[in-house]
Amino acid sequence: MQDNYFDSKEYLKIDFTKTNIKKGEYDNCTFLNCNFDSIHASNIQFVECEFTECNFSNTILKNTSFKDVTFKNCKMIGVKFNECNPFLLQFSFKDCLLNFSSFYQLKILNTKFNNCNLEEVDFTEAQISNAVFENCDLKNAVFDQTNLENSDFRTAFNFIIQPNQNKLKNAKFNRDSIEGLLTEFKITIE
């Protein structure tokens, strides 16, 4: 069976909860204001695609490929990115709501999170070196055995990262937000 191939197409205001998304490869496609809420978007390849103002909350992405994909102003609550195809996985997020999502054990080097809400996101055992968390809310995000080397947290806030349980070599932090690194020591910083 030949997979569908879609090149440089634009999808505008499509509600995929009512219209099934076709399986196949989407190359250099743009999705604007589309609804993927709670659908099965498994075994689909997205290559150099851009998603703007889309709803991906609770979308099932088992073995889905994201290769050089950009998400802008998307609602992505409870997405299990850890179920995606890890081969050549690369994406960036700007102005996205990613609460309760999971990047468990993923290798997502150089990922950029810009102005994102990442409350209670699971980064356990992930390799996220060289990542940028620019102006991101990391309240109750879980970092455990996570490789954060060379990552930039200078404008991130509400994070708690235990230095003795994560790799932080050459990570960058703002002097005013280092209390998130010292919480486990139960000391007072004034």
Protein backbone atom coordinates (compact mmCIF):
# COMPACT_ATOMS: atom_id res chain seq x y z
CA MET A 1 0.00 0.00 0.00
CA GLN A 2 1.44 3.36 -1.06
CA ASP A 3 1.49 6.06 1.62
CA ASN A 4 -0.01 9.43 0.84
CA TYR A 5 2.45 12.26 0.19
CA PHE A 6 1.46 15.90 0.69
CA ASP A 7 3.91 18.62 -0.34
CA SER A 8 3.68 22.35 0.43
CA LYS A 9 -0.05 22.26 1.17
CA GLU A 10 -1.89 24.64 3.49
CA TYR A 11 -4.55 23.38 5.88
CA LEU A 12 -6.76 26.13 7.26
CA LYS A 13 -9.33 25.73 10.07
CA ILE A 14 -9.74 21.97 9.61
CA ASP A 15 -11.35 20.12 12.49
CA PHE A 16 -9.67 16.71 12.37
CA THR A 17 -12.05 15.47 15.07
CA LYS A 18 -14.71 15.55 12.33
CA THR A 19 -12.53 14.96 9.24
CA ASN A 20 -9.95 12.19 9.61
CA ILE A 21 -6.38 13.20 8.95
CA LYS A 22 -4.89 11.13 6.14
CA LYS A 23 -1.94 8.91 7.04
CA GLY A 24 1.23 9.62 5.11
CA GLU A 25 4.01 12.18 4.87
CA TYR A 26 3.38 15.91 5.09
CA ASP A 27 6.38 17.80 3.73
CA ASN A 28 6.69 21.59 4.10
CA CYS A 29 2.98 21.91 4.95
CA THR A 30 1.31 24.63 7.01
CA PHE A 31 -1.50 23.99 9.47
CA LEU A 32 -3.33 27.09 10.68
CA ASN A 33 -6.05 27.04 13.33
CA CYS A 34 -6.64 23.27 13.01
CA ASN A 35 -8.10 21.01 15.69
CA PHE A 36 -6.31 17.74 16.48
CA ASP A 37 -7.86 17.44 19.97
CA SER A 38 -7.70 13.85 21.26
CA ILE A 39 -7.44 12.29 17.77
CA HIS A 40 -5.18 9.41 16.70
CA ALA A 41 -2.43 11.04 14.64
CA SER A 42 -0.22 7.98 14.86
CA ASN A 43 2.24 6.80 12.19
CA ILE A 44 2.25 10.14 10.33
CA GLN A 45 5.37 11.98 9.20
CA PHE A 46 5.60 15.75 9.45
CA VAL A 47 8.74 17.14 7.79
CA GLU A 48 9.54 20.87 7.88
CA CYS A 49 5.92 21.67 8.78
CA GLU A 50 4.54 24.60 10.73
CA PHE A 51 1.56 24.45 13.08
CA THR A 52 0.05 27.79 14.14
CA GLU A 53 -2.86 28.25 16.55
CA CYS A 54 -3.67 24.53 16.51
CA ASN A 55 -5.15 22.42 19.31
CA PHE A 56 -3.16 19.22 19.94
CA SER A 57 -4.45 18.53 23.46
CA ASN A 58 -4.39 14.82 24.31
CA THR A 59 -3.57 13.92 20.70
CA ILE A 60 -2.17 10.39 20.33
CA LEU A 61 1.16 10.54 18.49
CA LYS A 62 2.34 6.95 18.62
CA ASN A 63 5.25 6.56 16.18
CA THR A 64 4.52 9.99 14.65
CA SER A 65 7.56 11.75 13.16
CA PHE A 66 8.31 15.43 13.67
CA LYS A 67 11.37 16.43 11.67
CA ASP A 68 12.21 20.15 11.85
CA VAL A 69 8.67 21.12 12.88
CA THR A 70 7.60 24.44 14.41
CA PHE A 71 4.66 24.92 16.75
CA LYS A 72 3.43 28.49 17.33
CA ASN A 73 0.66 29.52 19.70
CA CYS A 74 -0.57 25.92 19.97
CA LYS A 75 -2.51 24.30 22.80
CA MET A 76 -0.80 20.98 23.53
CA ILE A 77 -2.01 19.85 26.95
CA GLY A 78 -1.24 16.25 27.93
CA VAL A 79 0.66 15.32 24.77
CA LYS A 80 2.91 12.25 25.13
CA PHE A 81 5.79 13.30 22.88
CA ASN A 82 7.69 10.33 24.32
CA GLU A 83 5.55 8.07 22.09
CA CYS A 84 6.75 9.85 18.91
CA ASN A 85 9.23 8.28 16.52
CA PRO A 86 12.60 9.40 17.97
CA PHE A 87 14.44 9.17 14.62
CA LEU A 88 15.54 12.69 13.55
CA LEU A 89 13.04 14.16 16.03
CA GLN A 90 13.37 17.94 16.00
CA PHE A 91 10.85 20.60 16.87
CA SER A 92 10.54 24.04 18.43
CA PHE A 93 7.77 25.70 20.41
CA LYS A 94 6.80 29.37 20.58
CA ASP A 95 3.92 30.75 22.69
CA CYS A 96 2.62 27.21 23.33
CA LEU A 97 0.65 25.74 26.21
CA LEU A 98 2.33 22.37 26.93
CA ASN A 99 1.07 21.63 30.46
CA PHE A 100 1.03 17.97 31.57
CA SER A 101 2.91 16.84 28.45
CA SER A 102 5.73 14.28 28.49
CA PHE A 103 9.19 14.24 26.93
CA TYR A 104 10.18 11.17 28.99
CA GLN A 105 13.49 9.63 27.81
CA LEU A 106 13.48 11.63 24.56
CA LYS A 107 16.62 12.91 22.90
CA ILE A 108 15.64 16.43 21.85
CA LEU A 109 18.91 18.34 21.60
CA ASN A 110 18.85 22.05 20.68
CA THR A 111 15.09 22.35 21.30
CA LYS A 112 13.82 25.89 21.70
CA PHE A 113 10.92 26.67 24.02
CA ASN A 114 10.05 30.35 23.69
CA ASN A 115 7.41 31.93 25.94
CA CYS A 116 5.81 28.55 26.72
CA ASN A 117 3.83 27.28 29.67
CA LEU A 118 5.40 23.97 30.71
CA GLU A 119 3.63 23.30 34.00
CA GLU A 120 3.97 19.71 35.24
CA VAL A 121 5.77 18.61 32.07
CA ASP A 122 7.79 15.40 32.48
CA PHE A 123 11.42 15.68 31.33
CA THR A 124 12.55 12.57 33.27
CA GLU A 125 15.64 10.91 31.75
CA ALA A 126 15.42 13.13 28.66
CA GLN A 127 18.48 14.41 26.81
CA ILE A 128 17.79 18.10 26.32
CA SER A 129 21.30 19.55 26.11
CA ASN A 130 21.68 22.89 24.32
CA ALA A 131 17.98 23.65 24.82
CA VAL A 132 16.64 27.15 25.36
CA PHE A 133 13.83 27.83 27.82
CA GLU A 134 13.18 31.49 27.05
CA ASN A 135 10.58 33.11 29.31
CA CYS A 136 9.04 29.71 30.15
CA ASP A 137 6.97 28.78 33.20
CA LEU A 138 8.29 25.45 34.49
CA LYS A 139 6.11 25.19 37.60
CA ASN A 140 6.18 21.60 38.89
CA ALA A 141 8.00 20.37 35.77
CA VAL A 142 9.87 17.14 36.54
CA PHE A 143 13.62 16.98 35.90
CA ASP A 144 15.07 13.66 37.10
CA GLN A 145 18.22 12.13 35.58
CA THR A 146 17.79 14.71 32.80
CA ASN A 147 20.72 15.91 30.69
CA LEU A 148 20.43 19.71 30.62
CA GLU A 149 24.05 20.46 29.76
CA ASN A 150 24.59 23.78 27.96
CA SER A 151 20.87 24.61 28.25
CA ASP A 152 19.70 28.16 28.85
CA PHE A 153 17.35 28.83 31.78
CA ARG A 154 18.27 32.53 32.23
CA THR A 155 14.72 33.80 31.65
CA ALA A 156 12.84 30.65 32.78
CA PHE A 157 10.95 30.73 36.07
CA ASN A 158 9.20 28.55 38.68
CA PHE A 159 11.57 25.63 38.05
CA ILE A 160 12.95 23.24 40.63
CA ILE A 161 15.96 21.30 39.39
CA GLN A 162 18.05 19.17 41.72
CA PRO A 163 21.70 19.58 40.63
CA ASN A 164 22.74 16.23 42.12
CA GLN A 165 20.10 14.32 40.10
CA ASN A 166 20.57 16.02 36.71
CA LYS A 167 23.43 16.91 34.38
CA LEU A 168 23.82 20.70 34.41
CA LYS A 169 27.38 21.28 33.17
CA ASN A 170 27.59 24.69 31.46
CA ALA A 171 23.83 25.31 31.82
CA LYS A 172 23.00 29.00 32.14
CA PHE A 173 20.86 30.44 34.94
CA ASN A 174 19.97 33.96 36.02
CA ARG A 175 21.39 34.93 39.41
CA ASP A 176 17.88 35.96 40.51
CA SER A 177 16.35 32.54 39.86
CA ILE A 178 18.91 30.16 41.36
CA GLU A 179 16.62 29.34 44.30
CA GLY A 180 15.07 26.72 42.01
CA LEU A 181 18.43 24.91 42.12
CA LEU A 182 18.71 25.10 45.91
CA THR A 183 15.22 24.07 47.06
CA GLU A 184 16.30 20.56 48.04
CA PHE A 185 18.85 21.98 50.49
CA LYS A 186 16.10 23.76 52.48
CA ILE A 187 18.10 26.94 52.86
CA THR A 188 16.78 30.50 52.95
CA ILE A 189 17.91 32.94 50.29
CA GLU A 190 17.21 36.63 50.89
